[in-house]
Protein backbone atom coordinates (compact mmCIF):
# COMPACT_ATOMS: atom_id res chain seq x y z
CA MET A 1 0.00 0.00 0.00
CA GLY A 2 1.06 3.60 -0.43
CA ALA A 3 0.47 6.10 2.36
CA ALA A 4 -0.17 4.78 5.84
CA SER A 5 -3.78 3.70 6.32
CA THR A 6 -6.02 5.43 8.84
CA THR A 7 -8.34 2.41 9.00
CA PRO A 8 -7.54 0.01 11.87
CA PHE A 9 -6.02 -3.31 10.87
CA ILE A 10 -8.02 -6.43 10.18
CA VAL A 11 -7.14 -9.13 12.71
CA VAL A 12 -7.08 -12.70 11.42
CA GLY A 13 -6.47 -15.77 13.55
CA THR A 14 -4.16 -18.43 12.18
CA ASP A 15 -3.17 -21.89 13.38
CA GLY A 16 -1.52 -23.06 10.17
CA SER A 17 -4.58 -24.97 8.94
CA PRO A 18 -6.30 -24.75 5.54
CA ALA A 19 -9.18 -23.00 7.32
CA SER A 20 -6.77 -20.35 8.56
CA GLU A 21 -5.33 -19.90 5.08
CA ARG A 22 -8.84 -19.19 3.75
CA ALA A 23 -9.37 -16.72 6.58
CA ILE A 24 -6.14 -14.93 5.68
CA ARG A 25 -7.11 -14.70 2.02
CA TYR A 26 -10.53 -13.32 2.97
CA ALA A 27 -8.92 -10.78 5.31
CA VAL A 28 -6.48 -9.66 2.60
CA ALA A 29 -9.31 -9.20 0.08
CA GLU A 30 -11.24 -7.12 2.61
CA ALA A 31 -8.13 -5.11 3.53
CA GLN A 32 -7.61 -4.27 -0.14
CA ARG A 33 -11.21 -3.10 -0.40
CA VAL A 34 -11.11 -0.76 2.62
CA GLY A 35 -7.47 0.33 2.33
CA THR A 36 -5.85 -1.16 5.40
CA GLY A 37 -3.51 -3.98 6.43
CA VAL A 38 -3.84 -7.29 8.25
CA ARG A 39 -2.54 -8.43 11.60
CA LEU A 40 -1.95 -12.18 11.84
CA VAL A 41 -2.55 -13.54 15.34
CA HIS A 42 -1.44 -16.94 16.59
CA VAL A 43 -2.32 -18.10 20.11
CA SER A 44 -0.14 -20.86 21.54
CA PRO A 45 -1.58 -23.18 24.20
CA ASP A 46 -0.88 -22.25 27.79
CA TYR A 47 1.03 -25.41 28.76
CA THR A 48 3.07 -25.80 31.93
CA PRO A 49 4.91 -29.15 32.12
CA THR A 50 5.72 -30.83 35.41
CA THR A 51 9.30 -31.53 34.36
CA PRO A 52 12.50 -29.45 34.37
CA MET A 53 12.20 -29.18 30.55
CA LEU A 54 10.05 -26.03 30.66
CA PRO A 55 12.60 -23.69 28.98
CA LEU A 56 13.11 -26.13 26.10
CA ILE A 57 9.38 -26.63 25.61
CA ARG A 58 8.81 -22.90 25.59
CA ASP A 59 11.51 -22.52 22.94
CA ASP A 60 9.87 -25.21 20.83
CA PHE A 61 6.46 -23.55 21.19
CA GLU A 62 7.94 -20.24 20.06
CA GLN A 63 9.45 -21.89 17.01
CA VAL A 64 6.13 -23.52 16.07
CA GLY A 65 4.28 -20.24 16.51
CA HIS A 66 6.89 -18.34 14.50
CA ARG A 67 6.66 -20.87 11.66
CA ILE A 68 2.86 -20.66 11.55
CA LEU A 69 2.97 -16.87 11.41
CA GLN A 70 5.61 -16.81 8.69
CA GLU A 71 3.55 -19.23 6.63
CA GLY A 72 0.65 -16.83 7.07
CA VAL A 73 2.78 -13.90 5.91
CA ALA A 74 3.63 -15.90 2.78
CA VAL A 75 -0.11 -16.34 2.09
CA VAL A 76 -0.60 -12.57 2.41
CA ARG A 77 2.31 -11.82 0.08
CA ALA A 78 1.05 -14.28 -2.51
CA ALA A 79 -2.45 -12.78 -2.43
CA ALA A 80 -1.45 -9.09 -2.38
CA PRO A 81 2.26 -8.17 -2.31
CA ASP A 82 1.47 -4.57 -1.37
CA CYS A 83 -0.75 -5.45 1.61
CA GLU A 84 0.69 -4.28 4.93
CA VAL A 85 1.05 -7.19 7.36
CA ALA A 86 2.03 -7.54 11.01
CA THR A 87 2.28 -10.64 13.22
CA VAL A 88 1.54 -11.26 16.88
CA ARG A 89 2.03 -14.43 18.94
CA ARG A 90 0.53 -14.82 22.39
CA THR A 91 0.02 -17.59 24.90
CA GLY A 92 -3.27 -18.05 26.72
CA PRO A 93 -6.98 -18.70 26.23
CA THR A 94 -7.69 -18.39 22.53
CA ALA A 95 -10.93 -16.39 22.35
CA ALA A 96 -10.01 -13.98 25.14
CA THR A 97 -6.57 -13.36 23.63
CA ILE A 98 -7.99 -12.61 20.18
CA LEU A 99 -10.56 -10.26 21.69
CA ASP A 100 -7.85 -8.42 23.60
CA LEU A 101 -5.63 -8.05 20.54
CA ALA A 102 -8.55 -6.97 18.34
CA ALA A 103 -10.04 -4.41 20.73
CA GLU A 104 -9.44 -1.54 18.29
CA SER A 105 -9.44 -3.45 15.01
CA HIS A 106 -11.64 -2.91 11.94
CA LEU A 107 -12.66 -6.56 11.64
CA ILE A 108 -11.84 -10.02 13.02
CA VAL A 109 -11.65 -12.98 10.63
CA LEU A 110 -11.59 -16.66 11.62
CA GLY A 111 -11.72 -19.75 9.42
CA ARG A 112 -14.13 -22.64 9.85
CA ASP A 113 -13.26 -26.31 9.37
CA ARG A 114 -15.73 -28.61 7.67
CA HIS A 115 -16.34 -30.90 10.63
CA GLY A 116 -14.00 -29.57 13.27
CA ARG A 117 -10.39 -30.66 13.32
CA LEU A 118 -8.86 -32.53 16.24
CA GLY A 119 -6.24 -30.29 17.80
CA ALA A 120 -7.37 -27.12 16.02
CA VAL A 121 -6.57 -23.89 17.83
CA PHE A 122 -9.54 -21.98 16.42
CA THR A 123 -12.57 -24.17 17.12
CA GLY A 124 -16.30 -23.58 16.80
CA SER A 125 -16.45 -22.54 20.43
CA THR A 126 -13.72 -19.98 19.74
CA THR A 127 -15.73 -18.53 16.86
CA VAL A 128 -18.89 -18.27 18.96
CA GLY A 129 -16.94 -16.80 21.88
CA VAL A 130 -15.34 -14.14 19.71
CA ALA A 131 -18.54 -13.34 17.79
CA GLY A 132 -20.46 -12.99 21.03
CA ARG A 133 -18.11 -10.46 22.64
CA ALA A 134 -16.14 -8.69 19.91
CA ARG A 135 -16.19 -4.89 19.80
CA CYS A 136 -15.90 -4.91 16.03
CA PRO A 137 -17.57 -7.02 13.33
CA MET A 138 -16.37 -10.62 13.13
CA VAL A 139 -16.42 -12.87 10.04
CA SER A 140 -16.44 -16.66 9.96
CA VAL A 141 -15.13 -18.03 6.63
CA PRO A 142 -16.59 -21.42 5.58
CA PRO A 143 -14.55 -24.38 4.27
CA ASP A 144 -15.65 -24.02 0.64
CA TRP A 145 -14.98 -20.29 0.28
CA GLU A 146 -12.70 -19.27 -2.58
CA PRO A 147 -11.32 -15.75 -3.14
CA ASP A 148 -12.37 -15.76 -6.79
CA GLY A 149 -15.90 -17.03 -6.12
CA ASP A 150 -17.60 -13.64 -6.49
CA HIS A 151 -21.40 -13.88 -6.72
CA GLY A 152 -22.16 -10.15 -6.50
CA ARG A 153 -24.68 -10.64 -3.69
CA VAL A 154 -24.77 -9.62 0.00
CA VAL A 155 -27.61 -10.77 2.27
CA VAL A 156 -28.68 -9.00 5.47
CA GLY A 157 -31.32 -10.45 7.77
CA LEU A 158 -33.66 -8.25 9.80
CA ARG A 159 -36.25 -8.86 12.45
CA ALA A 160 -37.10 -5.52 14.09
CA PRO A 161 -37.30 -2.62 11.62
CA ALA A 162 -37.27 -0.07 14.44
CA HIS A 163 -33.70 -1.13 15.27
CA ALA A 164 -32.42 -1.71 11.74
CA THR A 165 -30.99 1.67 10.76
CA GLU A 166 -27.29 1.13 11.46
CA LEU A 167 -27.40 -2.55 10.50
CA LEU A 168 -28.70 -1.52 7.09
CA ALA A 169 -26.01 1.17 6.90
CA ARG A 170 -23.36 -1.49 7.47
CA ALA A 171 -24.92 -3.84 4.93
CA PHE A 172 -25.18 -1.11 2.28
CA ASP A 173 -21.54 -0.16 2.85
CA LEU A 174 -20.47 -3.78 2.46
CA ALA A 175 -22.49 -4.20 -0.73
CA GLU A 176 -21.14 -0.97 -2.19
CA THR A 177 -17.48 -1.83 -1.54
CA ARG A 178 -18.06 -5.15 -3.30
CA GLY A 179 -20.13 -3.77 -6.16
CA ALA A 180 -22.77 -6.27 -5.07
CA ARG A 181 -26.55 -6.45 -5.00
CA LEU A 182 -28.03 -6.28 -1.49
CA VAL A 183 -30.79 -8.67 -0.44
CA VAL A 184 -32.70 -7.44 2.63
CA LEU A 185 -34.38 -10.52 4.09
CA ARG A 186 -37.07 -10.63 6.73
CA ALA A 187 -38.25 -14.09 7.73
CA TRP A 188 -41.11 -14.71 10.13
CA GLN A 189 -42.81 -17.72 11.63
CA LEU A 190 -44.76 -18.12 14.85
CA PRO A 191 -44.43 -21.22 17.07
CA GLY A 192 -46.31 -24.28 15.76
CA PRO A 193 -50.07 -24.03 16.42
CA TYR A 194 -50.03 -20.21 16.52
CA ASP A 195 -48.58 -20.09 13.05
CA GLU A 196 -51.35 -22.40 11.84
CA VAL A 197 -53.96 -20.00 13.27
CA VAL A 198 -52.41 -17.06 11.43
CA GLU A 199 -52.32 -19.02 8.17
CA ALA A 200 -55.97 -20.04 8.57
CA ARG A 201 -57.23 -16.54 9.42
CA SER A 202 -55.09 -14.42 7.10
CA HIS A 203 -55.26 -13.83 3.38
CA PRO A 204 -52.21 -15.34 1.63
CA GLY A 205 -49.54 -12.69 1.27
CA GLU A 206 -51.21 -10.22 3.64
CA ARG A 207 -48.49 -10.47 6.30
CA ALA A 208 -45.75 -10.34 3.67
CA ARG A 209 -47.16 -7.13 2.21
CA GLN A 210 -47.39 -5.60 5.68
CA LEU A 211 -43.76 -6.41 6.44
CA GLU A 212 -42.62 -5.10 3.05
CA GLU A 213 -44.39 -1.83 3.77
CA GLU A 214 -42.50 -1.59 7.08
CA LEU A 215 -39.17 -2.31 5.42
CA ASP A 216 -39.49 -0.04 2.42
CA PRO A 217 -39.08 3.37 4.14
CA LEU A 218 -36.10 2.08 6.14
CA VAL A 219 -34.37 0.87 3.01
CA GLU A 220 -35.26 3.95 0.97
CA ARG A 221 -33.05 6.25 3.03
CA HIS A 222 -30.02 4.05 2.41
CA ARG A 223 -30.92 3.69 -1.26
CA ARG A 224 -30.57 7.46 -1.59
CA GLU A 225 -27.18 7.39 0.17
CA HIS A 226 -25.98 4.43 -1.92
CA PRO A 227 -27.59 4.91 -5.34
CA ALA A 228 -25.21 2.45 -6.98
CA VAL A 229 -26.42 -0.46 -4.81
CA GLU A 230 -29.16 -2.59 -6.32
CA VAL A 231 -31.58 -3.69 -3.58
CA GLU A 232 -33.95 -6.63 -3.34
CA LEU A 233 -36.51 -6.86 -0.50
CA SER A 234 -37.46 -10.40 0.46
CA VAL A 235 -40.13 -11.29 3.04
CA VAL A 236 -40.59 -15.01 3.60
CA HIS A 237 -42.86 -17.05 5.84
CA GLN A 238 -40.30 -19.54 7.09
CA GLN A 239 -38.20 -20.39 10.10
CA PRO A 240 -35.50 -17.67 10.10
CA ALA A 241 -32.50 -20.00 10.24
CA ARG A 242 -33.78 -22.03 7.29
CA ALA A 243 -34.62 -18.92 5.29
CA LEU A 244 -31.17 -17.44 5.86
CA LEU A 245 -29.36 -20.67 5.04
CA HIS A 246 -31.27 -20.81 1.77
CA ALA A 247 -30.52 -17.15 1.00
CA ALA A 248 -26.83 -17.62 1.85
CA ALA A 249 -26.40 -20.08 -1.01
CA GLY A 250 -24.74 -18.10 -3.77
CA ALA A 251 -24.10 -15.06 -1.56
CA ASP A 252 -20.72 -13.41 -0.96
CA LEU A 253 -21.60 -12.48 2.62
CA LEU A 254 -24.39 -12.91 5.16
CA VAL A 255 -24.69 -10.10 7.71
CA LEU A 256 -26.21 -10.71 11.15
CA VAL A 257 -26.40 -8.70 14.34
CA ARG A 258 -26.14 -10.06 17.84
CA ARG A 259 -28.45 -9.18 20.68
CA ALA A 260 -27.22 -6.95 23.50
CA HIS A 261 -27.64 -7.95 27.14
CA GLY A 262 -26.89 -5.47 29.90
CA LEU A 263 -23.49 -3.82 29.52
CA PRO A 264 -22.52 -2.61 26.02
CA PHE A 265 -20.21 -5.49 25.21
CA THR A 266 -22.18 -8.29 26.83
CA ALA A 267 -24.07 -10.25 24.23
CA HIS A 268 -25.71 -13.55 23.46
CA LEU A 269 -25.67 -15.74 20.38
CA GLY A 270 -28.71 -17.96 20.22
CA GLY A 271 -29.81 -20.77 17.95
CA THR A 272 -30.06 -18.89 14.67
CA ALA A 273 -26.68 -17.20 14.89
CA ARG A 274 -24.93 -20.38 16.03
CA THR A 275 -26.55 -22.39 13.27
CA LEU A 276 -25.49 -19.92 10.60
CA LEU A 277 -21.93 -19.62 11.93
CA ARG A 278 -21.72 -23.41 11.82
CA GLU A 279 -23.54 -24.20 8.57
CA ALA A 280 -23.80 -21.19 6.25
CA PRO A 281 -22.20 -21.81 2.85
CA CYS A 282 -20.89 -18.24 2.62
CA PRO A 283 -18.88 -16.04 5.01
CA VAL A 284 -20.98 -14.78 7.93
CA GLU A 285 -20.37 -11.37 9.48
CA VAL A 286 -21.69 -10.80 13.01
CA VAL A 287 -22.07 -7.12 13.85
CA PRO A 288 -21.85 -6.12 17.53
CA PRO A 289 -24.67 -4.20 19.20
CA ARG A 290 -22.80 -0.92 19.31
CA GLU A 291 -22.61 -1.00 15.49
CA VAL A 292 -26.39 -0.87 15.28
CA LEU A 293 -28.24 0.37 18.38
CA ALA A 294 -27.75 0.09 22.14
CA GLU A 295 -30.38 -2.62 22.46
CA VAL A 296 -30.61 -3.97 18.94
CA GLU A 297 -32.59 -7.10 18.16
CA GLY A 298 -31.56 -7.62 14.55
CA LEU A 299 -32.03 -11.20 13.49
CA VAL A 300 -33.93 -13.83 15.40
CA LEU A 301 -31.30 -15.02 17.86
CA GLU A 302 -33.45 -16.79 20.41
CA ARG A 303 -33.38 -20.51 20.98
CA ALA A 304 -36.50 -21.06 18.88
CA GLY A 305 -34.60 -19.89 15.82
CA SER A 306 -32.30 -22.90 15.61
CA VAL A 307 -32.84 -25.34 12.76
CA ARG A 308 -34.92 -28.29 13.82
CA PRO A 309 -34.44 -31.68 12.22
């Protein structure tokens, strides 16, 4: 890059796995879009042996961590030789360490293994832990993601229009930087027998039209601010997790927001968010509450939102 960037770095976790390599490539692509660099973070296990060999083991751990980071740097250089890159190695609990190092970052990126890899440093629980407490957006990159697989489509899921303003602003920004179409999805479904009552008493499409009317003025403001972004409104009568998984197929990015609980950085990821972080076929970005509103309720994140067999 040329002049020093004023945008905070993108932090990407690496453990030397193929999942981490995908995360690095995603982070580099995003860094190129927003004009910043990447900071590669490796967290070594906090291991204290009960033998006098502690100094030697520590030396070996440092060598392993250094090798993993240098391999990550090589991935960055191969993807974008002009991308600024820094490396950090720490020892300790993985999620907490990443959160500490990324406190002022632009974005956190972690890779996802297909079925979970024995001995992996960045596990599913790490992803959920980081997504649930990060002070910046966090992206989980799926196992089949490829840097050249551009579909020109970003999906954002909404539940409460009254709290959607800044979430939509984020989604429009992401779509614009990618030159992508933005799909604004609102899925709704009541629990079992209640949903059947609504279906029996309502005219087909009545609820969908009502929700579209609620969404349209919210989206219109951002349309004016981002005239180059093509927008599609989609209201579906379906379990939110299922609807979002379907919409994520062929998307470049799925944008969610987590629910705030109490203090500004205390949050909860429920069934829908966990399901999508685990199963979505495209990268999933989880936006923290402070990016939207103090008590945002973006997507359905309660337990009832998880995909049922």
